[in-house]
Amino acid sequence: MPLHIVRNDITKMKVDAIVNAANSTLLGGGGVDGCIHRAAGPELLEECKTLGGCPAGSAKITGAYKLPCKYVIHTVGPRWMGGNHGERENLASCYETSMRLAKEHGCETIAFPLISSGIFGYPKDEALRVAVDTISGFLLRNDMTVYITIFDKNSYRISQKLFADIEEYIDDLYVDEHLDNNAERQRREFQREEVFRQGKRLQSNGDMCMCAPSCYVETAKPDSLDEALKEMDESFSEMLLRKIDLSGMTDAECYKKANIDRKLFSKIRLDKQYKPSKPTALAFAIALELSLEETKEMLRKAGFALSRSNKFDIIIQYFIEHKNYDVFQINEALFAFDQNLLGG
C-alpha cells in the first residue's frame, strides 16, 4: 500500500493511528505534541501519566479520545547534535517502531508528522529523507497506508541542490517550449504543409501512413467494425503485465515499487482495457525503470503524453533522464513544487 505526502492538520486525519512527536516524559509539550493533547482532551494526558515516559527512538500507544483516529502513538525523536551522535538511527527507529506498533494493533492507516524537524532541530531535508527511506522500506515488507503530514510549507524541505537542479531543468525546457522563434515555427509549418501536399497526391493509390515526407506505406481498410476492433493495439494493461514479466519482478514487487495500492493493481490486472490516471501510468513506468521513449509509449497506451508545457511532466522527465527511479524521492520533489504525486 502507498506512502502519501499531504498538507493537513494531523489532529484532523481520519486514520487508524496518528503519531505524536513527543518528549521523553510523554506529558505534553509544544508544537505537534501540544496540538495533539489539546485536540484529544485531558484524558490523553491522564493515560500518558501511567506510561512512565519513553526513551528516544522508541514508541508507546494510547487511546485517541476526542481525536478522529483510534490510537495515538507517542514517539520520542532525537535532538540534532550535528549528526554524529546516532541521530539518524534513532530517527529511523521512531518510524519503524511506530509502524510495527500500529501493525500489532491492527492499524491499516497511520499518519506521521515530520519527527524531530521542529524544536529538536533536525535539518528538515535530512529528516524527510530518513522518514521516506524508513517508511518505504517498511512498506515493501508490509501492507499499510502511511501519510507524512505537513502542516505548512515551512516545515517541509527537500535537498537545496535537488530543488535548484529541477528548477533549472524546468526553466530550460520552458524556454525551449515557449520562446521558440518565429523562423523555427514557420519552418515546421512548411514541413507539415509539404507532408500534407505529398500525401494528397498519393492518396489515389490507397490510404497512406505518413511518418515523414519520404515515408509512405499502404494500409488496407478493414472490411467491418469487428475487424477494426480486432486490430486494436496492445492496451495499457497488456503492456504493463508484459513489462512486469520481462523485468523479472513479481506483481507485488512492482506495485509496491510504484507506490500503488494492491486493490488498484488487481483492477488493472483483471481488466485489459483499464484506463489509469496519468500519475498511475507514470508510477508503473518508474517502477519498471523504463527509458524516456518507453515511458512515452506506456503513456500513449493510457491516452496521455508528456508535455514540455507541464511542470509535472518536466519533473518526471528530469528524474528519468537522470536514471533516478525512486518513486518516493520523485514524490518529495513533486510535493515541493506543488504537483500531484505518483501512485496512491
C-alpha atoms as a PDB file:
ATOM      1  CA  MET A   1       0.000   0.000   0.000  1.00  0.00           C
ATOM      2  CA  PRO A   2       1.213   3.538  -0.719  1.00  0.00           C
ATOM      3  CA  LEU A   3       3.003   6.382   1.017  1.00  0.00           C
ATOM      4  CA  HIS A   4       1.331   9.782   0.708  1.00  0.00           C
ATOM      5  CA  ILE A   5       2.731  13.214   1.489  1.00  0.00           C
ATOM      6  CA  VAL A   6      -0.186  15.501   2.360  1.00  0.00           C
ATOM      7  CA  ARG A   7      -0.678  19.025   3.614  1.00  0.00           C
ATOM      8  CA  ASN A   8      -3.071  18.730   6.538  1.00  0.00           C
ATOM      9  CA  ASP A   9      -3.551  19.155  10.285  1.00  0.00           C
ATOM     10  CA  ILE A  10      -2.597  15.791  11.793  1.00  0.00           C
ATOM     11  CA  THR A  11      -5.260  16.163  14.505  1.00  0.00           C
ATOM     12  CA  LYS A  12      -7.912  16.067  11.761  1.00  0.00           C
ATOM     13  CA  MET A  13      -6.608  12.955   9.964  1.00  0.00           C
ATOM     14  CA  LYS A  14      -9.233  10.174   9.849  1.00  0.00           C
ATOM     15  CA  VAL A  15      -6.810   7.274  10.073  1.00  0.00           C
ATOM     16  CA  ASP A  16      -6.387   4.358  12.448  1.00  0.00           C
ATOM     17  CA  ALA A  17      -3.441   5.956  14.251  1.00  0.00           C
ATOM     18  CA  ILE A  18      -1.627   9.260  14.333  1.00  0.00           C
ATOM     19  CA  VAL A  19       1.913   9.660  15.628  1.00  0.00           C
ATOM     20  CA  ASN A  20       2.773  12.249  18.236  1.00  0.00           C
ATOM     21  CA  ALA A  21       6.300  13.697  18.182  1.00  0.00           C
ATOM     22  CA  ALA A  22       6.551  13.702  21.973  1.00  0.00           C
ATOM     23  CA  ASN A  23       9.221  14.447  24.545  1.00  0.00           C
ATOM     24  CA  SER A  24      10.583  11.723  26.816  1.00  0.00           C
ATOM     25  CA  THR A  25       8.118  12.456  29.646  1.00  0.00           C
ATOM     26  CA  LEU A  26       5.062  11.937  27.372  1.00  0.00           C
ATOM     27  CA  LEU A  27       3.342  14.630  29.432  1.00  0.00           C
ATOM     28  CA  GLY A  28       2.721  17.088  26.620  1.00  0.00           C
ATOM     29  CA  GLY A  29       4.744  19.970  25.268  1.00  0.00           C
ATOM     30  CA  GLY A  30       4.823  22.433  22.390  1.00  0.00           C
ATOM     31  CA  GLY A  31       4.412  22.051  18.641  1.00  0.00           C
ATOM     32  CA  VAL A  32       2.672  18.919  17.360  1.00  0.00           C
ATOM     33  CA  ASP A  33       2.724  17.407  20.865  1.00  0.00           C
ATOM     34  CA  GLY A  34       0.748  20.298  22.349  1.00  0.00           C
ATOM     35  CA  CYS A  35      -1.741  20.357  19.439  1.00  0.00           C
ATOM     36  CA  ILE A  36      -2.482  16.638  19.805  1.00  0.00           C
ATOM     37  CA  HIS A  37      -3.006  16.874  23.567  1.00  0.00           C
ATOM     38  CA  ARG A  38      -5.329  19.867  23.213  1.00  0.00           C
ATOM     39  CA  ALA A  39      -7.383  18.172  20.483  1.00  0.00           C
ATOM     40  CA  ALA A  40      -7.586  14.842  22.356  1.00  0.00           C
ATOM     41  CA  GLY A  41      -8.623  16.363  25.662  1.00  0.00           C
ATOM     42  CA  PRO A  42      -7.303  15.889  29.229  1.00  0.00           C
ATOM     43  CA  GLU A  43      -7.959  12.134  29.202  1.00  0.00           C
ATOM     44  CA  LEU A  44      -4.933  11.645  26.944  1.00  0.00           C
ATOM     45  CA  LEU A  45      -2.611  13.227  29.498  1.00  0.00           C
ATOM     46  CA  GLU A  46      -4.072  11.061  32.267  1.00  0.00           C
ATOM     47  CA  GLU A  47      -3.289   7.897  30.304  1.00  0.00           C
ATOM     48  CA  CYS A  48       0.186   9.166  29.398  1.00  0.00           C
ATOM     49  CA  LYS A  49       0.953   9.620  33.114  1.00  0.00           C
ATOM     50  CA  THR A  50       0.651   5.840  33.519  1.00  0.00           C
ATOM     51  CA  LEU A  51       3.255   5.027  30.843  1.00  0.00           C
ATOM     52  CA  GLY A  52       6.402   6.039  32.723  1.00  0.00           C
ATOM     53  CA  GLY A  53       7.908   8.072  29.891  1.00  0.00           C
ATOM     54  CA  CYS A  54       9.616   6.837  26.734  1.00  0.00           C
ATOM     55  CA  PRO A  55      13.265   6.764  25.558  1.00  0.00           C
ATOM     56  CA  ALA A  56      14.403   8.320  22.275  1.00  0.00           C
ATOM     57  CA  GLY A  57      13.821   6.093  19.258  1.00  0.00           C
ATOM     58  CA  SER A  58      11.038   4.120  20.936  1.00  0.00           C
ATOM     59  CA  ALA A  59       7.230   4.448  20.950  1.00  0.00           C
ATOM     60  CA  LYS A  60       4.183   3.819  23.145  1.00  0.00           C
ATOM     61  CA  ILE A  61       0.487   3.687  22.261  1.00  0.00           C
ATOM     62  CA  THR A  62      -2.623   5.186  23.876  1.00  0.00           C
ATOM     63  CA  GLY A  63      -6.247   5.798  23.058  1.00  0.00           C
ATOM     64  CA  ALA A  64      -7.187   8.838  20.982  1.00  0.00           C
ATOM     65  CA  TYR A  65     -10.154  10.161  22.975  1.00  0.00           C
ATOM     66  CA  LYS A  66     -11.620  13.197  21.149  1.00  0.00           C
ATOM     67  CA  LEU A  67      -9.437  12.763  18.079  1.00  0.00           C
ATOM     68  CA  PRO A  68     -10.978  11.224  14.903  1.00  0.00           C
ATOM     69  CA  CYS A  69      -8.475   8.332  14.931  1.00  0.00           C
ATOM     70  CA  LYS A  70      -8.390   5.168  17.086  1.00  0.00           C
ATOM     71  CA  TYR A  71      -4.918   5.464  18.597  1.00  0.00           C
ATOM     72  CA  VAL A  72      -2.156   7.932  19.301  1.00  0.00           C
ATOM     73  CA  ILE A  73       1.357   6.510  19.031  1.00  0.00           C
ATOM     74  CA  HIS A  74       3.845   8.609  21.011  1.00  0.00           C
ATOM     75  CA  THR A  75       7.433   8.503  19.818  1.00  0.00           C
ATOM     76  CA  VAL A  76      10.455  10.462  21.004  1.00  0.00           C
ATOM     77  CA  GLY A  77      12.734  11.711  18.249  1.00  0.00           C
ATOM     78  CA  PRO A  78      16.403  12.591  18.670  1.00  0.00           C
ATOM     79  CA  ARG A  79      17.668  16.099  19.236  1.00  0.00           C
ATOM     80  CA  TRP A  80      20.051  17.208  16.478  1.00  0.00           C
ATOM     81  CA  MET A  81      23.628  17.348  17.757  1.00  0.00           C
ATOM     82  CA  GLY A  82      25.489  17.634  14.475  1.00  0.00           C
ATOM     83  CA  GLY A  83      24.655  14.235  13.005  1.00  0.00           C
ATOM     84  CA  ASN A  84      27.408  12.141  14.628  1.00  0.00           C
ATOM     85  CA  HIS A  85      25.587  11.041  17.753  1.00  0.00           C
ATOM     86  CA  GLY A  86      23.279   8.355  16.378  1.00  0.00           C
ATOM     87  CA  GLU A  87      20.577  10.816  15.323  1.00  0.00           C
ATOM     88  CA  ARG A  88      19.757   9.073  12.037  1.00  0.00           C
ATOM     89  CA  GLU A  89      19.476   5.632  13.634  1.00  0.00           C
ATOM     90  CA  ASN A  90      17.246   6.971  16.425  1.00  0.00           C
ATOM     91  CA  LEU A  91      15.021   8.842  13.994  1.00  0.00           C
ATOM     92  CA  ALA A  92      14.642   5.795  11.738  1.00  0.00           C
ATOM     93  CA  SER A  93      13.782   3.755  14.825  1.00  0.00           C
ATOM     94  CA  CYS A  94      10.957   6.210  15.647  1.00  0.00           C
ATOM     95  CA  TYR A  95       9.269   5.463  12.324  1.00  0.00           C
ATOM     96  CA  GLU A  96       9.980   1.731  12.318  1.00  0.00           C
ATOM     97  CA  THR A  97       8.859   1.194  15.940  1.00  0.00           C
ATOM     98  CA  SER A  98       5.703   3.271  15.431  1.00  0.00           C
ATOM     99  CA  MET A  99       4.677   1.332  12.324  1.00  0.00           C
ATOM    100  CA  ARG A 100       5.315  -2.033  13.983  1.00  0.00           C
ATOM    101  CA  LEU A 101       3.252  -0.927  16.978  1.00  0.00           C
ATOM    102  CA  ALA A 102       0.446   0.194  14.671  1.00  0.00           C
ATOM    103  CA  LYS A 103       0.520  -3.150  12.852  1.00  0.00           C
ATOM    104  CA  GLU A 104       0.367  -5.059  16.154  1.00  0.00           C
ATOM    105  CA  HIS A 105      -2.848  -3.161  16.958  1.00  0.00           C
ATOM    106  CA  GLY A 106      -4.447  -3.945  13.593  1.00  0.00           C
ATOM    107  CA  CYS A 107      -3.980  -0.485  12.065  1.00  0.00           C
ATOM    108  CA  GLU A 108      -4.163  -0.207   8.294  1.00  0.00           C
ATOM    109  CA  THR A 109      -3.584   3.558   8.091  1.00  0.00           C
ATOM    110  CA  ILE A 110      -1.175   5.766  10.029  1.00  0.00           C
ATOM    111  CA  ALA A 111      -0.201   9.449   9.831  1.00  0.00           C
ATOM    112  CA  PHE A 112       3.171  10.871  10.870  1.00  0.00           C
ATOM    113  CA  PRO A 113       4.389  14.414  11.377  1.00  0.00           C
ATOM    114  CA  LEU A 114       7.965  15.088  10.275  1.00  0.00           C
ATOM    115  CA  ILE A 115       9.565  13.931  13.522  1.00  0.00           C
ATOM    116  CA  SER A 116      12.365  15.982  15.144  1.00  0.00           C
ATOM    117  CA  SER A 117      12.252  18.671  12.444  1.00  0.00           C
ATOM    118  CA  GLY A 118      10.846  21.348  14.779  1.00  0.00           C
ATOM    119  CA  ILE A 119      12.322  22.429  18.110  1.00  0.00           C
ATOM    120  CA  PHE A 120      14.561  19.323  18.190  1.00  0.00           C
ATOM    121  CA  GLY A 121      16.470  20.942  15.302  1.00  0.00           C
ATOM    122  CA  TYR A 122      16.902  18.051  12.871  1.00  0.00           C
ATOM    123  CA  PRO A 123      17.558  19.579   9.385  1.00  0.00           C
ATOM    124  CA  LYS A 124      14.263  19.349   7.525  1.00  0.00           C
ATOM    125  CA  ASP A 125      15.614  17.893   4.283  1.00  0.00           C
ATOM    126  CA  GLU A 126      17.546  15.193   6.149  1.00  0.00           C
ATOM    127  CA  ALA A 127      14.584  14.451   8.425  1.00  0.00           C
ATOM    128  CA  LEU A 128      12.407  13.991   5.339  1.00  0.00           C
ATOM    129  CA  ARG A 129      14.973  11.672   3.746  1.00  0.00           C
ATOM    130  CA  VAL A 130      15.083   9.454   6.852  1.00  0.00           C
ATOM    131  CA  ALA A 131      11.275   9.383   7.030  1.00  0.00           C
ATOM    132  CA  VAL A 132      10.793   8.406   3.386  1.00  0.00           C
ATOM    133  CA  ASP A 133      13.607   5.830   3.363  1.00  0.00           C
ATOM    134  CA  THR A 134      12.354   4.125   6.529  1.00  0.00           C
ATOM    135  CA  ILE A 135       8.664   4.158   5.623  1.00  0.00           C
ATOM    136  CA  SER A 136       9.218   2.967   2.043  1.00  0.00           C
ATOM    137  CA  GLY A 137      11.398   0.116   3.296  1.00  0.00           C
ATOM    138  CA  PHE A 138       8.662  -0.936   5.742  1.00  0.00           C
ATOM    139  CA  LEU A 139       6.006  -0.811   3.019  1.00  0.00           C
ATOM    140  CA  LEU A 140       7.985  -3.195   0.821  1.00  0.00           C
ATOM    141  CA  ARG A 141       7.518  -5.805   3.575  1.00  0.00           C
ATOM    142  CA  ASN A 142       4.096  -4.828   4.909  1.00  0.00           C
ATOM    143  CA  ASP A 143       0.667  -3.680   3.736  1.00  0.00           C
ATOM    144  CA  MET A 144      -0.234  -0.343   5.266  1.00  0.00           C
ATOM    145  CA  THR A 145      -1.168   3.129   4.046  1.00  0.00           C
ATOM    146  CA  VAL A 146       1.151   5.755   5.516  1.00  0.00           C
ATOM    147  CA  TYR A 147       0.819   9.528   5.451  1.00  0.00           C
ATOM    148  CA  ILE A 148       3.542  12.078   6.099  1.00  0.00           C
ATOM    149  CA  THR A 149       1.501  15.067   7.195  1.00  0.00           C
ATOM    150  CA  ILE A 150       2.892  18.532   6.515  1.00  0.00           C
ATOM    151  CA  PHE A 151       1.122  21.431   8.218  1.00  0.00           C
ATOM    152  CA  ASP A 152       2.779  24.212   6.214  1.00  0.00           C
ATOM    153  CA  LYS A 153       5.458  24.691   3.570  1.00  0.00           C
ATOM    154  CA  ASN A 154       7.957  25.982   6.158  1.00  0.00           C
ATOM    155  CA  SER A 155       8.034  22.544   7.808  1.00  0.00           C
ATOM    156  CA  TYR A 156       8.954  20.749   4.550  1.00  0.00           C
ATOM    157  CA  ARG A 157      12.164  20.906   2.548  1.00  0.00           C
ATOM    158  CA  ILE A 158      13.966  18.734   0.012  1.00  0.00           C
ATOM    159  CA  SER A 159      17.673  18.984  -0.741  1.00  0.00           C
ATOM    160  CA  GLN A 160      18.551  22.509  -1.877  1.00  0.00           C
ATOM    161  CA  LYS A 161      20.736  21.096  -4.665  1.00  0.00           C
ATOM    162  CA  LEU A 162      17.958  18.829  -5.956  1.00  0.00           C
ATOM    163  CA  PHE A 163      15.441  21.676  -5.819  1.00  0.00           C
ATOM    164  CA  ALA A 164      17.807  24.020  -7.666  1.00  0.00           C
ATOM    165  CA  ASP A 165      18.675  21.391 -10.307  1.00  0.00           C
ATOM    166  CA  ILE A 166      14.997  20.669 -11.014  1.00  0.00           C
ATOM    167  CA  GLU A 167      14.176  24.373 -11.085  1.00  0.00           C
ATOM    168  CA  GLU A 168      16.936  24.969 -13.657  1.00  0.00           C
ATOM    169  CA  TYR A 169      15.769  21.982 -15.726  1.00  0.00           C
ATOM    170  CA  ILE A 170      12.189  23.284 -15.716  1.00  0.00           C
ATOM    171  CA  ASP A 171      13.363  26.745 -16.771  1.00  0.00           C
ATOM    172  CA  ASP A 172      15.436  25.325 -19.620  1.00  0.00           C
ATOM    173  CA  LEU A 173      12.535  23.301 -21.036  1.00  0.00           C
ATOM    174  CA  TYR A 174      10.098  26.174 -20.596  1.00  0.00           C
ATOM    175  CA  VAL A 175      12.493  28.335 -22.625  1.00  0.00           C
ATOM    176  CA  ASP A 176      12.674  25.674 -25.335  1.00  0.00           C
ATOM    177  CA  GLU A 177       8.894  25.372 -25.432  1.00  0.00           C
ATOM    178  CA  HIS A 178       7.702  28.940 -25.012  1.00  0.00           C
ATOM    179  CA  LEU A 179      10.450  31.122 -26.502  1.00  0.00           C
ATOM    180  CA  ASP A 180      10.725  29.325 -29.839  1.00  0.00           C
ATOM    181  CA  ASN A 181      11.460  31.898 -32.567  1.00  0.00           C
ATOM    182  CA  ASN A 182       9.158  32.657 -35.480  1.00  0.00           C
ATOM    183  CA  ALA A 183      11.529  31.289 -38.100  1.00  0.00           C
ATOM    184  CA  GLU A 184      11.571  27.865 -36.416  1.00  0.00           C
ATOM    185  CA  ARG A 185       7.780  27.782 -36.174  1.00  0.00           C
ATOM    186  CA  GLN A 186       7.448  28.752 -39.832  1.00  0.00           C
ATOM    187  CA  ARG A 187       9.903  26.031 -40.838  1.00  0.00           C
ATOM    188  CA  ARG A 188       7.853  23.375 -39.034  1.00  0.00           C
ATOM    189  CA  GLU A 189       4.603  24.659 -40.524  1.00  0.00           C
ATOM    190  CA  PHE A 190       6.133  24.484 -44.015  1.00  0.00           C
ATOM    191  CA  GLN A 191       7.214  20.870 -43.391  1.00  0.00           C
ATOM    192  CA  ARG A 192       3.727  19.908 -42.232  1.00  0.00           C
ATOM    193  CA  GLU A 193       2.149  21.514 -45.315  1.00  0.00           C
ATOM    194  CA  GLU A 194       4.625  19.718 -47.599  1.00  0.00           C
ATOM    195  CA  VAL A 195       3.787  16.361 -45.994  1.00  0.00           C
ATOM    196  CA  PHE A 196       0.083  17.082 -46.461  1.00  0.00           C
ATOM    197  CA  ARG A 197       0.525  18.055 -50.149  1.00  0.00           C
ATOM    198  CA  GLN A 198       2.558  14.943 -50.960  1.00  0.00           C
ATOM    199  CA  GLY A 199       0.066  12.767 -49.124  1.00  0.00           C
ATOM    200  CA  LYS A 200      -2.847  14.207 -51.102  1.00  0.00           C
ATOM    201  CA  ARG A 201      -1.059  13.447 -54.392  1.00  0.00           C
ATOM    202  CA  LEU A 202      -0.581   9.822 -53.392  1.00  0.00           C
ATOM    203  CA  GLN A 203      -3.982   9.176 -51.829  1.00  0.00           C
ATOM    204  CA  SER A 204      -5.425   7.933 -55.120  1.00  0.00           C
ATOM    205  CA  ASN A 205      -3.286   4.776 -54.631  1.00  0.00           C
ATOM    206  CA  GLY A 206      -4.869   3.932 -51.259  1.00  0.00           C
ATOM    207  CA  ASP A 207      -4.668   5.101 -47.671  1.00  0.00           C
ATOM    208  CA  MET A 208      -1.214   6.187 -46.603  1.00  0.00           C
ATOM    209  CA  CYS A 209       0.699   6.197 -43.308  1.00  0.00           C
ATOM    210  CA  MET A 210       2.654   9.463 -43.369  1.00  0.00           C
ATOM    211  CA  CYS A 211       5.565   9.291 -40.946  1.00  0.00           C
ATOM    212  CA  ALA A 212       7.704  11.766 -42.895  1.00  0.00           C
ATOM    213  CA  PRO A 213       7.702  13.281 -46.410  1.00  0.00           C
ATOM    214  CA  SER A 214       9.671  10.289 -47.746  1.00  0.00           C
ATOM    215  CA  CYS A 215       7.814   7.552 -45.850  1.00  0.00           C
ATOM    216  CA  TYR A 216       4.520   6.253 -47.297  1.00  0.00           C
ATOM    217  CA  VAL A 217       3.158   2.783 -46.522  1.00  0.00           C
ATOM    218  CA  GLU A 218      -0.122   1.482 -47.921  1.00  0.00           C
ATOM    219  CA  THR A 219      -2.626   0.292 -45.332  1.00  0.00           C
ATOM    220  CA  ALA A 220      -5.632  -1.864 -46.035  1.00  0.00           C
ATOM    221  CA  LYS A 221      -9.043  -0.716 -44.896  1.00  0.00           C
ATOM    222  CA  PRO A 222     -10.787  -3.140 -42.508  1.00  0.00           C
ATOM    223  CA  ASP A 223     -13.955  -4.636 -44.002  1.00  0.00           C
ATOM    224  CA  SER A 224     -16.041  -4.197 -40.841  1.00  0.00           C
ATOM    225  CA  LEU A 225     -16.107  -2.626 -37.393  1.00  0.00           C
ATOM    226  CA  ASP A 226     -15.496  -6.063 -35.869  1.00  0.00           C
ATOM    227  CA  GLU A 227     -12.329  -6.449 -37.938  1.00  0.00           C
ATOM    228  CA  ALA A 228     -11.191  -2.959 -36.987  1.00  0.00           C
ATOM    229  CA  LEU A 229     -11.661  -3.748 -33.288  1.00  0.00           C
ATOM    230  CA  LYS A 230      -9.651  -6.963 -33.675  1.00  0.00           C
ATOM    231  CA  GLU A 231      -6.744  -4.874 -34.987  1.00  0.00           C
ATOM    232  CA  MET A 232      -6.604  -2.752 -31.823  1.00  0.00           C
ATOM    233  CA  ASP A 233      -3.131  -2.135 -30.461  1.00  0.00           C
ATOM    234  CA  GLU A 234      -1.842  -3.610 -27.196  1.00  0.00           C
ATOM    235  CA  SER A 235      -3.635  -1.975 -24.240  1.00  0.00           C
ATOM    236  CA  PHE A 236      -2.008  -0.290 -21.246  1.00  0.00           C
ATOM    237  CA  SER A 237      -2.824  -3.264 -19.020  1.00  0.00           C
ATOM    238  CA  GLU A 238      -1.393  -5.757 -21.526  1.00  0.00           C
ATOM    239  CA  MET A 239       1.793  -3.737 -21.957  1.00  0.00           C
ATOM    240  CA  LEU A 240       2.181  -3.358 -18.177  1.00  0.00           C
ATOM    241  CA  LEU A 241       1.832  -7.079 -17.486  1.00  0.00           C
ATOM    242  CA  ARG A 242       4.216  -7.916 -20.339  1.00  0.00           C
ATOM    243  CA  LYS A 243       6.805  -5.466 -18.988  1.00  0.00           C
ATOM    244  CA  ILE A 244       6.468  -6.887 -15.459  1.00  0.00           C
ATOM    245  CA  ASP A 245       7.141 -10.398 -16.820  1.00  0.00           C
ATOM    246  CA  LEU A 246      10.165  -9.136 -18.755  1.00  0.00           C
ATOM    247  CA  SER A 247      11.527  -7.317 -15.689  1.00  0.00           C
ATOM    248  CA  GLY A 248      11.583 -10.467 -13.544  1.00  0.00           C
ATOM    249  CA  MET A 249       9.683  -8.685 -10.767  1.00  0.00           C
ATOM    250  CA  THR A 250       6.669 -10.181  -9.059  1.00  0.00           C
ATOM    251  CA  ASP A 251       3.377  -8.278  -9.248  1.00  0.00           C
ATOM    252  CA  ALA A 252       3.716  -7.289  -5.589  1.00  0.00           C
ATOM    253  CA  GLU A 253       7.263  -6.018  -6.066  1.00  0.00           C
ATOM    254  CA  CYS A 254       6.112  -3.893  -8.986  1.00  0.00           C
ATOM    255  CA  TYR A 255       3.034  -2.297  -7.453  1.00  0.00           C
ATOM    256  CA  LYS A 256       4.820  -1.597  -4.170  1.00  0.00           C
ATOM    257  CA  LYS A 257       7.761  -0.065  -6.009  1.00  0.00           C
ATOM    258  CA  ALA A 258       5.218   2.040  -7.934  1.00  0.00           C
ATOM    259  CA  ASN A 259       3.572   3.201  -4.671  1.00  0.00           C
ATOM    260  CA  ILE A 260       0.299   1.664  -5.910  1.00  0.00           C
ATOM    261  CA  ASP A 261      -2.435   0.100  -3.802  1.00  0.00           C
ATOM    262  CA  ARG A 262      -2.871  -3.676  -4.225  1.00  0.00           C
ATOM    263  CA  LYS A 263      -6.602  -3.316  -4.912  1.00  0.00           C
ATOM    264  CA  LEU A 264      -5.947  -0.873  -7.744  1.00  0.00           C
ATOM    265  CA  PHE A 265      -3.380  -3.210  -9.267  1.00  0.00           C
ATOM    266  CA  SER A 266      -5.917  -6.054  -9.136  1.00  0.00           C
ATOM    267  CA  LYS A 267      -8.385  -3.933 -11.131  1.00  0.00           C
ATOM    268  CA  ILE A 268      -5.737  -3.237 -13.760  1.00  0.00           C
ATOM    269  CA  ARG A 269      -4.777  -6.922 -13.994  1.00  0.00           C
ATOM    270  CA  LEU A 270      -8.384  -8.103 -14.353  1.00  0.00           C
ATOM    271  CA  ASP A 271      -9.456  -5.501 -16.921  1.00  0.00           C
ATOM    272  CA  LYS A 272      -7.261  -5.411 -20.008  1.00  0.00           C
ATOM    273  CA  GLN A 273      -8.997  -2.211 -21.167  1.00  0.00           C
ATOM    274  CA  TYR A 274      -8.455  -0.430 -17.835  1.00  0.00           C
ATOM    275  CA  LYS A 275      -7.695   3.285 -18.275  1.00  0.00           C
ATOM    276  CA  PRO A 276      -5.402   4.512 -15.489  1.00  0.00           C
ATOM    277  CA  SER A 277      -4.834   8.085 -14.416  1.00  0.00           C
ATOM    278  CA  LYS A 278      -1.652   9.712 -15.703  1.00  0.00           C
ATOM    279  CA  PRO A 279       0.115   9.571 -12.273  1.00  0.00           C
ATOM    280  CA  THR A 280      -0.692   5.850 -12.054  1.00  0.00           C
ATOM    281  CA  ALA A 281       0.649   5.118 -15.539  1.00  0.00           C
ATOM    282  CA  LEU A 282       3.825   7.071 -14.789  1.00  0.00           C
ATOM    283  CA  ALA A 283       4.249   5.352 -11.425  1.00  0.00           C
ATOM    284  CA  PHE A 284       4.420   1.980 -13.187  1.00  0.00           C
ATOM    285  CA  ALA A 285       6.862   3.347 -15.770  1.00  0.00           C
ATOM    286  CA  ILE A 286       9.095   4.494 -12.902  1.00  0.00           C
ATOM    287  CA  ALA A 287       8.780   1.164 -11.071  1.00  0.00           C
ATOM    288  CA  LEU A 288       9.787  -0.690 -14.249  1.00  0.00           C
ATOM    289  CA  GLU A 289      12.660   1.769 -14.814  1.00  0.00           C
ATOM    290  CA  LEU A 290      11.595   2.433 -18.386  1.00  0.00           C
ATOM    291  CA  SER A 291      13.562   4.728 -20.671  1.00  0.00           C
ATOM    292  CA  LEU A 292      12.020   8.030 -21.704  1.00  0.00           C
ATOM    293  CA  GLU A 293      10.830   6.580 -25.027  1.00  0.00           C
ATOM    294  CA  GLU A 294       9.355   3.501 -23.328  1.00  0.00           C
ATOM    295  CA  THR A 295       7.649   5.772 -20.801  1.00  0.00           C
ATOM    296  CA  LYS A 296       6.105   7.816 -23.602  1.00  0.00           C
ATOM    297  CA  GLU A 297       4.881   4.597 -25.226  1.00  0.00           C
ATOM    298  CA  MET A 298       3.285   3.412 -21.972  1.00  0.00           C
ATOM    299  CA  LEU A 299       1.607   6.794 -21.579  1.00  0.00           C
ATOM    300  CA  ARG A 300       0.234   6.592 -25.132  1.00  0.00           C
ATOM    301  CA  LYS A 301      -1.370   3.244 -24.254  1.00  0.00           C
ATOM    302  CA  ALA A 302      -3.213   5.065 -21.472  1.00  0.00           C
ATOM    303  CA  GLY A 303      -4.144   8.009 -23.693  1.00  0.00           C
ATOM    304  CA  PHE A 304      -1.599  10.525 -22.342  1.00  0.00           C
ATOM    305  CA  ALA A 305       1.609  12.253 -23.411  1.00  0.00           C
ATOM    306  CA  LEU A 306       4.493  14.140 -21.823  1.00  0.00           C
ATOM    307  CA  SER A 307       4.454  17.883 -22.409  1.00  0.00           C
ATOM    308  CA  ARG A 308       7.168  20.486 -22.036  1.00  0.00           C
ATOM    309  CA  SER A 309       4.454  22.934 -21.033  1.00  0.00           C
ATOM    310  CA  ASN A 310       3.545  20.935 -17.917  1.00  0.00           C
ATOM    311  CA  LYS A 311       5.704  21.258 -14.786  1.00  0.00           C
ATOM    312  CA  PHE A 312       4.597  17.824 -13.530  1.00  0.00           C
ATOM    313  CA  ASP A 313       5.731  16.200 -16.788  1.00  0.00           C
ATOM    314  CA  ILE A 314       9.045  18.041 -16.810  1.00  0.00           C
ATOM    315  CA  ILE A 315       9.882  16.903 -13.270  1.00  0.00           C
ATOM    316  CA  ILE A 316       9.151  13.276 -14.217  1.00  0.00           C
ATOM    317  CA  GLN A 317      11.319  13.634 -17.320  1.00  0.00           C
ATOM    318  CA  TYR A 318      14.142  15.100 -15.180  1.00  0.00           C
ATOM    319  CA  PHE A 319      14.241  12.006 -12.962  1.00  0.00           C
ATOM    320  CA  ILE A 320      14.028   9.567 -15.887  1.00  0.00           C
ATOM    321  CA  GLU A 321      16.848  11.310 -17.736  1.00  0.00           C
ATOM    322  CA  HIS A 322      18.943  11.176 -14.550  1.00  0.00           C
ATOM    323  CA  LYS A 323      18.064   7.463 -14.151  1.00  0.00           C
ATOM    324  CA  ASN A 324      16.607   8.095 -10.697  1.00  0.00           C
ATOM    325  CA  TYR A 325      13.648   5.717 -10.404  1.00  0.00           C
ATOM    326  CA  ASP A 326      12.924   6.183  -6.691  1.00  0.00           C
ATOM    327  CA  VAL A 327       9.179   6.952  -6.735  1.00  0.00           C
ATOM    328  CA  PHE A 328       9.324   8.253  -3.169  1.00  0.00           C
ATOM    329  CA  GLN A 329      12.083  10.755  -3.907  1.00  0.00           C
ATOM    330  CA  ILE A 330      10.209  11.809  -7.045  1.00  0.00           C
ATOM    331  CA  ASN A 331       7.122  12.414  -4.921  1.00  0.00           C
ATOM    332  CA  GLU A 332       9.155  14.504  -2.491  1.00  0.00           C
ATOM    333  CA  ALA A 333      10.138  16.745  -5.399  1.00  0.00           C
ATOM    334  CA  LEU A 334       6.615  16.844  -6.845  1.00  0.00           C
ATOM    335  CA  PHE A 335       5.235  17.885  -3.458  1.00  0.00           C
ATOM    336  CA  ALA A 336       7.891  20.593  -3.133  1.00  0.00           C
ATOM    337  CA  PHE A 337       6.748  22.019  -6.493  1.00  0.00           C
ATOM    338  CA  ASP A 338       3.017  21.729  -5.588  1.00  0.00           C
ATOM    339  CA  GLN A 339       2.313  18.958  -8.107  1.00  0.00           C
ATOM    340  CA  ASN A 340       0.231  15.789  -7.956  1.00  0.00           C
ATOM    341  CA  LEU A 341       2.092  12.737  -6.625  1.00  0.00           C
ATOM    342  CA  LEU A 342       2.709   9.389  -8.301  1.00  0.00           C
ATOM    343  CA  GLY A 343       0.905   6.230  -7.273  1.00  0.00           C
ATOM    344  CA  GLY A 344      -1.647   6.199  -4.494  1.00  0.00           C
END
